[in-house]
């Protein structure tokens, strides 16, 4: 079974062109399923039926995994068993009858303008790290890119004249994102006053760590946590918070869904539509608080 898993992971990496991070997630999910099979004394894929899958899902539920995590496990197994079926390793696919649990709708958090401005102005521009961090925050908000996309930006990806950056997104799909004049100024500031001192390894990447190498997504998450505390913002700020804020502010400013979808690199318009719920809830909240006849205020 382990040999089949290795072949499957190679298939994902070489034929499907999945990222190392995604492949590692598949490996972890399926190995956990293998542990379950081991407890059930199942050693052959062809012996796995729908009932075993059902017992596995009950096992996940009993261990109090969230609906989102269970849904990910199901998706991993669905891809894996589809591969087994195509390769002729199994004759019947037990995942055909399995559906993902209905996830609770959770609106993404975002920053209101006053909190956003407070956060963006927190990094000190008196040292090379503050100048770098200032650009990191601005780029995440101004372009709406994912943190994984930010860390992979190379100097050659930036078009300074048109204020565009070539991004390699999910599924190795290329797209161009835009940034404004404020971000351009901070970018030039970083290149001339910060990166020139950080670049001890002559790196091609835009954002560098203290050792002159490519910065990691985890480091950026820590940087945002640091400035959230320094700015005393109550909202939990992650790289995705700034991405959500980017989309919300665009829609608030009158941008259409299709444009926001393309800028964010969403495959489906439904992924972008969640932000219309945010703006709708915000309008409702403002109305209820502000209009004298919105609610019956008993004195």
C-alpha atoms as a PDB file:
ATOM      1  CA  UNK A   1       0.000   0.000   0.000  1.00  0.00           C
ATOM      2  CA  UNK A   2       2.864   2.353   0.768  1.00  0.00           C
ATOM      3  CA  UNK A   3       4.282   1.859  -2.751  1.00  0.00           C
ATOM      4  CA  UNK A   4       0.925   2.856  -4.267  1.00  0.00           C
ATOM      5  CA  UNK A   5       0.869   5.975  -2.103  1.00  0.00           C
ATOM      6  CA  UNK A   6       4.349   6.971  -3.325  1.00  0.00           C
ATOM      7  CA  UNK A   7       3.211   6.513  -6.943  1.00  0.00           C
ATOM      8  CA  UNK A   8       0.096   8.580  -6.236  1.00  0.00           C
ATOM      9  CA  UNK A   9       2.096  11.440  -4.722  1.00  0.00           C
ATOM     10  CA  UNK A  10       4.446  11.408  -7.714  1.00  0.00           C
ATOM     11  CA  UNK A  11       1.381  11.569  -9.968  1.00  0.00           C
ATOM     12  CA  UNK A  12       0.102  14.644  -8.116  1.00  0.00           C
ATOM     13  CA  UNK A  13       3.464  16.386  -8.291  1.00  0.00           C
ATOM     14  CA  UNK A  14       4.541  15.507 -11.824  1.00  0.00           C
ATOM     15  CA  UNK A  15       1.303  15.140 -13.788  1.00  0.00           C
ATOM     16  CA  UNK A  16      -1.129  17.341 -11.851  1.00  0.00           C
ATOM     17  CA  UNK A  17       1.589  19.909 -11.082  1.00  0.00           C
ATOM     18  CA  UNK A  18       0.440  20.312  -7.481  1.00  0.00           C
ATOM     19  CA  UNK A  19       2.667  22.305  -5.143  1.00  0.00           C
ATOM     20  CA  UNK A  20       4.885  20.615  -2.546  1.00  0.00           C
ATOM     21  CA  UNK A  21       2.617  21.986   0.169  1.00  0.00           C
ATOM     22  CA  UNK A  22      -0.517  20.447  -1.398  1.00  0.00           C
ATOM     23  CA  UNK A  23       1.180  17.097  -1.999  1.00  0.00           C
ATOM     24  CA  UNK A  24       2.336  17.027   1.632  1.00  0.00           C
ATOM     25  CA  UNK A  25      -1.261  17.600   2.758  1.00  0.00           C
ATOM     26  CA  UNK A  26      -2.465  14.675   0.639  1.00  0.00           C
ATOM     27  CA  UNK A  27       0.251  12.467   2.070  1.00  0.00           C
ATOM     28  CA  UNK A  28      -0.664  13.365   5.645  1.00  0.00           C
ATOM     29  CA  UNK A  29      -4.406  12.826   5.081  1.00  0.00           C
ATOM     30  CA  UNK A  30      -4.026   9.461   3.383  1.00  0.00           C
ATOM     31  CA  UNK A  31      -1.479   8.160   5.887  1.00  0.00           C
ATOM     32  CA  UNK A  32      -3.996   8.907   8.613  1.00  0.00           C
ATOM     33  CA  UNK A  33      -6.545   6.815   6.686  1.00  0.00           C
ATOM     34  CA  UNK A  34      -3.948   4.017   6.412  1.00  0.00           C
ATOM     35  CA  UNK A  35      -3.662   3.994  10.218  1.00  0.00           C
ATOM     36  CA  UNK A  36      -7.411   3.445  10.412  1.00  0.00           C
ATOM     37  CA  UNK A  37      -7.175   0.576   7.892  1.00  0.00           C
ATOM     38  CA  UNK A  38      -4.360  -0.981   9.909  1.00  0.00           C
ATOM     39  CA  UNK A  39      -6.562  -1.060  13.015  1.00  0.00           C
ATOM     40  CA  UNK A  40      -9.243  -2.774  10.923  1.00  0.00           C
ATOM     41  CA  UNK A  41      -6.704  -5.342   9.636  1.00  0.00           C
ATOM     42  CA  UNK A  42      -7.320  -4.245   6.021  1.00  0.00           C
ATOM     43  CA  UNK A  43      -4.238  -4.688   3.816  1.00  0.00           C
ATOM     44  CA  UNK A  44      -5.711  -4.660   0.286  1.00  0.00           C
ATOM     45  CA  UNK A  45      -7.322  -1.701  -1.439  1.00  0.00           C
ATOM     46  CA  UNK A  46      -9.847  -3.935  -3.230  1.00  0.00           C
ATOM     47  CA  UNK A  47     -11.210  -5.009   0.165  1.00  0.00           C
ATOM     48  CA  UNK A  48     -12.257  -1.456   1.070  1.00  0.00           C
ATOM     49  CA  UNK A  49     -15.984  -0.793   0.605  1.00  0.00           C
ATOM     50  CA  UNK A  50     -18.432   2.015   1.348  1.00  0.00           C
ATOM     51  CA  UNK A  51     -19.072   0.703   4.860  1.00  0.00           C
ATOM     52  CA  UNK A  52     -15.379   1.089   5.745  1.00  0.00           C
ATOM     53  CA  UNK A  53     -15.425   4.671   4.483  1.00  0.00           C
ATOM     54  CA  UNK A  54     -18.538   5.351   6.525  1.00  0.00           C
ATOM     55  CA  UNK A  55     -16.874   3.928   9.658  1.00  0.00           C
ATOM     56  CA  UNK A  56     -13.847   6.125   8.995  1.00  0.00           C
ATOM     57  CA  UNK A  57     -16.012   9.250   8.802  1.00  0.00           C
ATOM     58  CA  UNK A  58     -17.690   8.276  12.082  1.00  0.00           C
ATOM     59  CA  UNK A  59     -14.195   7.838  13.525  1.00  0.00           C
ATOM     60  CA  UNK A  60     -13.282  11.384  12.457  1.00  0.00           C
ATOM     61  CA  UNK A  61     -16.529  12.736  13.890  1.00  0.00           C
ATOM     62  CA  UNK A  62     -15.984  10.934  17.206  1.00  0.00           C
ATOM     63  CA  UNK A  63     -12.542  12.500  17.449  1.00  0.00           C
ATOM     64  CA  UNK A  64     -14.251  15.889  17.134  1.00  0.00           C
ATOM     65  CA  UNK A  65     -12.685  16.982  13.865  1.00  0.00           C
ATOM     66  CA  UNK A  66     -14.341  20.065  12.407  1.00  0.00           C
ATOM     67  CA  UNK A  67     -16.588  19.867   9.349  1.00  0.00           C
ATOM     68  CA  UNK A  68     -13.932  21.717   7.376  1.00  0.00           C
ATOM     69  CA  UNK A  69     -11.213  19.208   8.318  1.00  0.00           C
ATOM     70  CA  UNK A  70     -13.474  16.220   7.593  1.00  0.00           C
ATOM     71  CA  UNK A  71     -14.338  17.758   4.236  1.00  0.00           C
ATOM     72  CA  UNK A  72     -10.615  17.999   3.428  1.00  0.00           C
ATOM     73  CA  UNK A  73     -10.047  14.357   4.389  1.00  0.00           C
ATOM     74  CA  UNK A  74     -12.935  13.324   2.130  1.00  0.00           C
ATOM     75  CA  UNK A  75     -11.571  15.348  -0.786  1.00  0.00           C
ATOM     76  CA  UNK A  76      -8.126  13.762  -0.367  1.00  0.00           C
ATOM     77  CA  UNK A  77      -9.624  10.262  -0.322  1.00  0.00           C
ATOM     78  CA  UNK A  78     -11.847  11.036  -3.300  1.00  0.00           C
ATOM     79  CA  UNK A  79      -8.816  12.001  -5.390  1.00  0.00           C
ATOM     80  CA  UNK A  80      -6.842   8.993  -4.126  1.00  0.00           C
ATOM     81  CA  UNK A  81      -9.569   6.421  -4.892  1.00  0.00           C
ATOM     82  CA  UNK A  82     -10.198   7.969  -8.291  1.00  0.00           C
ATOM     83  CA  UNK A  83      -6.507   7.396  -9.010  1.00  0.00           C
ATOM     84  CA  UNK A  84      -6.762   3.773  -7.779  1.00  0.00           C
ATOM     85  CA  UNK A  85      -9.753   3.191 -10.057  1.00  0.00           C
ATOM     86  CA  UNK A  86      -8.099   4.746 -13.134  1.00  0.00           C
ATOM     87  CA  UNK A  87      -4.950   2.677 -12.526  1.00  0.00           C
ATOM     88  CA  UNK A  88      -7.033  -0.505 -12.282  1.00  0.00           C
ATOM     89  CA  UNK A  89      -5.988  -1.154  -8.682  1.00  0.00           C
ATOM     90  CA  UNK A  90      -9.640  -1.303  -7.592  1.00  0.00           C
ATOM     91  CA  UNK A  91     -12.728  -2.338  -9.570  1.00  0.00           C
ATOM     92  CA  UNK A  92     -15.248  -0.319  -7.575  1.00  0.00           C
ATOM     93  CA  UNK A  93     -14.792   3.152  -6.169  1.00  0.00           C
ATOM     94  CA  UNK A  94     -16.266   3.336  -2.610  1.00  0.00           C
ATOM     95  CA  UNK A  95     -16.045   7.153  -2.597  1.00  0.00           C
ATOM     96  CA  UNK A  96     -18.734   7.610  -5.282  1.00  0.00           C
ATOM     97  CA  UNK A  97     -21.531   7.630  -2.703  1.00  0.00           C
ATOM     98  CA  UNK A  98     -19.680   9.886  -0.245  1.00  0.00           C
ATOM     99  CA  UNK A  99     -20.490  13.597  -0.133  1.00  0.00           C
ATOM    100  CA  UNK A 100     -18.779  16.361   1.792  1.00  0.00           C
ATOM    101  CA  UNK A 101     -20.494  17.685   4.932  1.00  0.00           C
ATOM    102  CA  UNK A 102     -22.305  20.962   4.505  1.00  0.00           C
ATOM    103  CA  UNK A 103     -20.021  23.613   5.953  1.00  0.00           C
ATOM    104  CA  UNK A 104     -21.309  26.344   8.212  1.00  0.00           C
ATOM    105  CA  UNK A 105     -21.148  29.683   6.448  1.00  0.00           C
ATOM    106  CA  UNK A 106     -18.435  31.766   8.028  1.00  0.00           C
ATOM    107  CA  UNK A 107     -17.888  35.286   6.807  1.00  0.00           C
ATOM    108  CA  UNK A 108     -14.192  36.186   6.454  1.00  0.00           C
ATOM    109  CA  UNK A 109     -12.981  38.908   8.786  1.00  0.00           C
ATOM    110  CA  UNK A 110     -11.710  42.192   7.402  1.00  0.00           C
ATOM    111  CA  UNK A 111     -10.504  45.545   8.667  1.00  0.00           C
ATOM    112  CA  UNK A 112     -12.461  48.762   8.689  1.00  0.00           C
ATOM    113  CA  UNK A 113     -10.620  51.744   7.229  1.00  0.00           C
ATOM    114  CA  UNK A 114      -9.536  53.233  10.558  1.00  0.00           C
ATOM    115  CA  UNK A 115      -8.043  49.937  11.783  1.00  0.00           C
ATOM    116  CA  UNK A 116      -6.413  49.342   8.407  1.00  0.00           C
ATOM    117  CA  UNK A 117      -4.727  52.753   8.392  1.00  0.00           C
ATOM    118  CA  UNK A 118      -3.582  52.199  11.971  1.00  0.00           C
ATOM    119  CA  UNK A 119      -2.015  48.861  11.007  1.00  0.00           C
ATOM    120  CA  UNK A 120      -0.342  50.114   7.824  1.00  0.00           C
ATOM    121  CA  UNK A 121       1.246  53.052   9.633  1.00  0.00           C
ATOM    122  CA  UNK A 122       2.606  50.981  12.553  1.00  0.00           C
ATOM    123  CA  UNK A 123       5.936  49.700  11.095  1.00  0.00           C
ATOM    124  CA  UNK A 124       8.744  52.159  11.735  1.00  0.00           C
ATOM    125  CA  UNK A 125      10.536  53.343   8.610  1.00  0.00           C
ATOM    126  CA  UNK A 126      13.669  54.220  10.573  1.00  0.00           C
ATOM    127  CA  UNK A 127      15.318  50.830  10.010  1.00  0.00           C
ATOM    128  CA  UNK A 128      15.635  48.328   7.173  1.00  0.00           C
ATOM    129  CA  UNK A 129      13.247  45.795   8.730  1.00  0.00           C
ATOM    130  CA  UNK A 130      10.515  48.338   9.378  1.00  0.00           C
ATOM    131  CA  UNK A 131      10.763  49.532   5.765  1.00  0.00           C
ATOM    132  CA  UNK A 132      10.482  45.910   4.579  1.00  0.00           C
ATOM    133  CA  UNK A 133       7.539  45.163   6.872  1.00  0.00           C
ATOM    134  CA  UNK A 134       5.819  48.342   5.731  1.00  0.00           C
ATOM    135  CA  UNK A 135       5.975  47.080   2.145  1.00  0.00           C
ATOM    136  CA  UNK A 136       4.744  43.595   3.135  1.00  0.00           C
ATOM    137  CA  UNK A 137       1.581  45.020   4.712  1.00  0.00           C
ATOM    138  CA  UNK A 138       0.995  47.410   1.829  1.00  0.00           C
ATOM    139  CA  UNK A 139       1.461  44.753  -0.853  1.00  0.00           C
ATOM    140  CA  UNK A 140      -0.924  42.307   0.815  1.00  0.00           C
ATOM    141  CA  UNK A 141      -3.625  44.967   1.036  1.00  0.00           C
ATOM    142  CA  UNK A 142      -3.001  46.867  -2.214  1.00  0.00           C
ATOM    143  CA  UNK A 143      -2.838  43.793  -4.471  1.00  0.00           C
ATOM    144  CA  UNK A 144      -4.944  41.246  -2.557  1.00  0.00           C
ATOM    145  CA  UNK A 145      -2.421  38.474  -3.174  1.00  0.00           C
ATOM    146  CA  UNK A 146      -2.080  35.339  -1.043  1.00  0.00           C
ATOM    147  CA  UNK A 147       0.872  35.152   1.336  1.00  0.00           C
ATOM    148  CA  UNK A 148       2.186  32.133  -0.613  1.00  0.00           C
ATOM    149  CA  UNK A 149       2.161  34.296  -3.736  1.00  0.00           C
ATOM    150  CA  UNK A 150       3.888  37.187  -1.987  1.00  0.00           C
ATOM    151  CA  UNK A 151       6.892  35.157  -0.827  1.00  0.00           C
ATOM    152  CA  UNK A 152       7.444  33.878  -4.379  1.00  0.00           C
ATOM    153  CA  UNK A 153       7.515  37.262  -6.130  1.00  0.00           C
ATOM    154  CA  UNK A 154      10.793  37.794  -7.958  1.00  0.00           C
ATOM    155  CA  UNK A 155      12.245  41.128  -9.000  1.00  0.00           C
ATOM    156  CA  UNK A 156      11.709  40.187 -12.651  1.00  0.00           C
ATOM    157  CA  UNK A 157       7.954  39.738 -12.023  1.00  0.00           C
ATOM    158  CA  UNK A 158       7.422  43.444 -11.335  1.00  0.00           C
ATOM    159  CA  UNK A 159       6.415  45.936 -14.040  1.00  0.00           C
ATOM    160  CA  UNK A 160       7.129  49.318 -12.455  1.00  0.00           C
ATOM    161  CA  UNK A 161       5.771  51.408 -15.338  1.00  0.00           C
ATOM    162  CA  UNK A 162       2.333  49.768 -15.330  1.00  0.00           C
ATOM    163  CA  UNK A 163       2.313  48.986 -11.582  1.00  0.00           C
ATOM    164  CA  UNK A 164       1.715  45.296 -12.231  1.00  0.00           C
ATOM    165  CA  UNK A 165       3.101  42.091 -10.750  1.00  0.00           C
ATOM    166  CA  UNK A 166       3.067  38.704 -12.446  1.00  0.00           C
ATOM    167  CA  UNK A 167       1.786  36.162  -9.934  1.00  0.00           C
ATOM    168  CA  UNK A 168       1.989  32.379 -10.054  1.00  0.00           C
ATOM    169  CA  UNK A 169      -1.164  31.336  -8.208  1.00  0.00           C
ATOM    170  CA  UNK A 170      -2.921  28.100  -7.334  1.00  0.00           C
ATOM    171  CA  UNK A 171      -2.509  25.327  -9.892  1.00  0.00           C
ATOM    172  CA  UNK A 172       0.495  27.208 -11.352  1.00  0.00           C
ATOM    173  CA  UNK A 173      -1.873  29.651 -13.058  1.00  0.00           C
ATOM    174  CA  UNK A 174      -0.402  33.007 -13.988  1.00  0.00           C
ATOM    175  CA  UNK A 175      -2.244  36.274 -13.488  1.00  0.00           C
ATOM    176  CA  UNK A 176      -1.347  39.937 -13.171  1.00  0.00           C
ATOM    177  CA  UNK A 177      -2.234  41.986 -10.113  1.00  0.00           C
ATOM    178  CA  UNK A 178      -2.168  45.761  -9.797  1.00  0.00           C
ATOM    179  CA  UNK A 179      -0.838  48.100  -7.136  1.00  0.00           C
ATOM    180  CA  UNK A 180      -1.187  51.853  -6.649  1.00  0.00           C
ATOM    181  CA  UNK A 181       1.091  54.829  -6.319  1.00  0.00           C
ATOM    182  CA  UNK A 182       1.385  54.555  -2.529  1.00  0.00           C
ATOM    183  CA  UNK A 183       2.551  50.970  -2.866  1.00  0.00           C
ATOM    184  CA  UNK A 184       4.958  51.951  -5.646  1.00  0.00           C
ATOM    185  CA  UNK A 185       6.560  54.553  -3.382  1.00  0.00           C
ATOM    186  CA  UNK A 186       6.951  52.012  -0.590  1.00  0.00           C
ATOM    187  CA  UNK A 187       8.359  49.492  -3.068  1.00  0.00           C
ATOM    188  CA  UNK A 188      10.999  51.960  -4.288  1.00  0.00           C
ATOM    189  CA  UNK A 189      11.752  52.864  -0.685  1.00  0.00           C
ATOM    190  CA  UNK A 190      12.318  49.221   0.190  1.00  0.00           C
ATOM    191  CA  UNK A 191      14.527  48.553  -2.835  1.00  0.00           C
ATOM    192  CA  UNK A 192      16.806  51.514  -2.198  1.00  0.00           C
ATOM    193  CA  UNK A 193      16.841  51.755   1.607  1.00  0.00           C
ATOM    194  CA  UNK A 194      16.278  48.185   2.828  1.00  0.00           C
ATOM    195  CA  UNK A 195      16.677  45.380   0.334  1.00  0.00           C
ATOM    196  CA  UNK A 196      20.043  46.650  -0.853  1.00  0.00           C
ATOM    197  CA  UNK A 197      21.378  45.909   2.662  1.00  0.00           C
ATOM    198  CA  UNK A 198      19.474  42.638   3.147  1.00  0.00           C
ATOM    199  CA  UNK A 199      20.568  41.141  -0.175  1.00  0.00           C
ATOM    200  CA  UNK A 200      23.803  39.522   1.011  1.00  0.00           C
ATOM    201  CA  UNK A 201      23.101  36.368  -1.027  1.00  0.00           C
ATOM    202  CA  UNK A 202      22.195  38.126  -4.302  1.00  0.00           C
ATOM    203  CA  UNK A 203      18.689  36.663  -4.264  1.00  0.00           C
ATOM    204  CA  UNK A 204      16.125  36.985  -7.066  1.00  0.00           C
ATOM    205  CA  UNK A 205      13.219  37.195  -4.612  1.00  0.00           C
ATOM    206  CA  UNK A 206      11.631  40.519  -3.716  1.00  0.00           C
ATOM    207  CA  UNK A 207      11.003  40.044   0.014  1.00  0.00           C
ATOM    208  CA  UNK A 208      14.072  38.878   1.939  1.00  0.00           C
ATOM    209  CA  UNK A 209      14.580  37.647   5.489  1.00  0.00           C
ATOM    210  CA  UNK A 210      17.263  38.788   7.937  1.00  0.00           C
ATOM    211  CA  UNK A 211      19.758  36.358   6.419  1.00  0.00           C
ATOM    212  CA  UNK A 212      19.226  37.585   2.878  1.00  0.00           C
ATOM    213  CA  UNK A 213      17.191  34.566   1.750  1.00  0.00           C
ATOM    214  CA  UNK A 214      13.596  34.117   0.624  1.00  0.00           C
ATOM    215  CA  UNK A 215      11.205  34.952   3.457  1.00  0.00           C
ATOM    216  CA  UNK A 216       8.727  32.250   4.567  1.00  0.00           C
ATOM    217  CA  UNK A 217       4.951  32.471   4.906  1.00  0.00           C
ATOM    218  CA  UNK A 218       5.290  31.702   8.621  1.00  0.00           C
ATOM    219  CA  UNK A 219       7.639  34.654   9.093  1.00  0.00           C
ATOM    220  CA  UNK A 220       5.117  36.970   7.446  1.00  0.00           C
ATOM    221  CA  UNK A 221       2.335  35.631   9.681  1.00  0.00           C
ATOM    222  CA  UNK A 222       4.495  36.449  12.717  1.00  0.00           C
ATOM    223  CA  UNK A 223       5.205  39.925  11.339  1.00  0.00           C
ATOM    224  CA  UNK A 224       1.465  40.619  11.058  1.00  0.00           C
ATOM    225  CA  UNK A 225       0.838  39.336  14.588  1.00  0.00           C
ATOM    226  CA  UNK A 226       3.556  41.669  15.837  1.00  0.00           C
ATOM    227  CA  UNK A 227       2.035  44.761  14.237  1.00  0.00           C
ATOM    228  CA  UNK A 228      -1.489  43.814  15.263  1.00  0.00           C
ATOM    229  CA  UNK A 229      -0.364  43.906  18.901  1.00  0.00           C
ATOM    230  CA  UNK A 230       1.605  47.123  18.430  1.00  0.00           C
ATOM    231  CA  UNK A 231      -1.372  48.852  16.786  1.00  0.00           C
ATOM    232  CA  UNK A 232      -3.823  47.541  19.441  1.00  0.00           C
ATOM    233  CA  UNK A 233      -6.242  46.257  16.794  1.00  0.00           C
ATOM    234  CA  UNK A 234      -8.769  43.836  18.271  1.00  0.00           C
ATOM    235  CA  UNK A 235      -9.378  41.917  15.028  1.00  0.00           C
ATOM    236  CA  UNK A 236      -7.071  38.924  14.544  1.00  0.00           C
ATOM    237  CA  UNK A 237      -4.890  40.002  11.607  1.00  0.00           C
ATOM    238  CA  UNK A 238      -3.536  37.355   9.233  1.00  0.00           C
ATOM    239  CA  UNK A 239      -2.331  37.687   5.631  1.00  0.00           C
ATOM    240  CA  UNK A 240      -5.783  36.485   4.577  1.00  0.00           C
ATOM    241  CA  UNK A 241      -7.389  39.273   6.618  1.00  0.00           C
ATOM    242  CA  UNK A 242      -5.710  41.821   4.356  1.00  0.00           C
ATOM    243  CA  UNK A 243      -6.773  39.815   1.293  1.00  0.00           C
ATOM    244  CA  UNK A 244     -10.376  39.856   2.543  1.00  0.00           C
ATOM    245  CA  UNK A 245     -10.082  43.578   3.247  1.00  0.00           C
ATOM    246  CA  UNK A 246      -8.815  44.185  -0.297  1.00  0.00           C
ATOM    247  CA  UNK A 247     -11.862  42.459  -1.805  1.00  0.00           C
ATOM    248  CA  UNK A 248     -14.360  44.070   0.570  1.00  0.00           C
ATOM    249  CA  UNK A 249     -13.055  47.580  -0.027  1.00  0.00           C
ATOM    250  CA  UNK A 250     -13.104  47.068  -3.804  1.00  0.00           C
ATOM    251  CA  UNK A 251     -16.755  46.014  -3.707  1.00  0.00           C
ATOM    252  CA  UNK A 252     -17.582  48.884  -1.344  1.00  0.00           C
ATOM    253  CA  UNK A 253     -15.972  51.214  -3.880  1.00  0.00           C
ATOM    254  CA  UNK A 254     -18.181  49.963  -6.705  1.00  0.00           C
ATOM    255  CA  UNK A 255     -16.040  47.255  -8.344  1.00  0.00           C
ATOM    256  CA  UNK A 256     -17.953  44.440 -10.039  1.00  0.00           C
ATOM    257  CA  UNK A 257     -17.652  40.817  -8.902  1.00  0.00           C
ATOM    258  CA  UNK A 258     -16.020  39.617 -12.117  1.00  0.00           C
ATOM    259  CA  UNK A 259     -13.181  42.119 -11.804  1.00  0.00           C
ATOM    260  CA  UNK A 260     -12.594  41.226  -8.146  1.00  0.00           C
ATOM    261  CA  UNK A 261     -12.640  37.529  -9.075  1.00  0.00           C
ATOM    262  CA  UNK A 262      -9.886  38.023 -11.659  1.00  0.00           C
ATOM    263  CA  UNK A 263      -7.759  40.178  -9.371  1.00  0.00           C
ATOM    264  CA  UNK A 264      -7.967  37.602  -6.581  1.00  0.00           C
ATOM    265  CA  UNK A 265      -7.343  34.618  -8.830  1.00  0.00           C
ATOM    266  CA  UNK A 266     -10.554  32.802  -7.902  1.00  0.00           C
ATOM    267  CA  UNK A 267     -11.493  29.989 -10.271  1.00  0.00           C
ATOM    268  CA  UNK A 268     -15.178  30.269  -9.426  1.00  0.00           C
ATOM    269  CA  UNK A 269     -17.294  33.385  -9.023  1.00  0.00           C
ATOM    270  CA  UNK A 270     -18.940  31.725  -6.012  1.00  0.00           C
ATOM    271  CA  UNK A 271     -15.652  32.101  -4.101  1.00  0.00           C
ATOM    272  CA  UNK A 272     -15.844  35.852  -4.641  1.00  0.00           C
ATOM    273  CA  UNK A 273     -19.558  36.174  -3.834  1.00  0.00           C
ATOM    274  CA  UNK A 274     -18.909  35.620  -0.139  1.00  0.00           C
ATOM    275  CA  UNK A 275     -17.705  39.224   0.003  1.00  0.00           C
ATOM    276  CA  UNK A 276     -21.121  40.495  -1.059  1.00  0.00           C
ATOM    277  CA  UNK A 277     -22.439  39.005   2.185  1.00  0.00           C
ATOM    278  CA  UNK A 278     -19.891  41.036   4.113  1.00  0.00           C
ATOM    279  CA  UNK A 279     -20.923  44.299   2.483  1.00  0.00           C
ATOM    280  CA  UNK A 280     -24.618  43.449   2.906  1.00  0.00           C
ATOM    281  CA  UNK A 281     -24.181  42.677   6.611  1.00  0.00           C
ATOM    282  CA  UNK A 282     -22.203  45.867   7.052  1.00  0.00           C
ATOM    283  CA  UNK A 283     -24.919  47.960   5.401  1.00  0.00           C
ATOM    284  CA  UNK A 284     -27.538  46.310   7.602  1.00  0.00           C
ATOM    285  CA  UNK A 285     -25.498  46.977  10.734  1.00  0.00           C
ATOM    286  CA  UNK A 286     -24.998  50.649   9.865  1.00  0.00           C
ATOM    287  CA  UNK A 287     -28.696  51.039   9.022  1.00  0.00           C
ATOM    288  CA  UNK A 288     -29.876  49.490  12.302  1.00  0.00           C
ATOM    289  CA  UNK A 289     -27.546  51.674  14.319  1.00  0.00           C
ATOM    290  CA  UNK A 290     -28.143  54.898  12.428  1.00  0.00           C
ATOM    291  CA  UNK A 291     -31.745  55.146  11.225  1.00  0.00           C
ATOM    292  CA  UNK A 292     -34.219  56.446  13.841  1.00  0.00           C
ATOM    293  CA  UNK A 293     -36.966  54.120  12.582  1.00  0.00           C
ATOM    294  CA  UNK A 294     -34.832  51.034  12.044  1.00  0.00           C
ATOM    295  CA  UNK A 295     -35.855  49.611  15.415  1.00  0.00           C
ATOM    296  CA  UNK A 296     -38.267  50.297  18.207  1.00  0.00           C
ATOM    297  CA  UNK A 297     -36.212  52.034  20.882  1.00  0.00           C
ATOM    298  CA  UNK A 298     -38.184  51.940  24.101  1.00  0.00           C
ATOM    299  CA  UNK A 299     -37.427  54.746  26.507  1.00  0.00           C
END
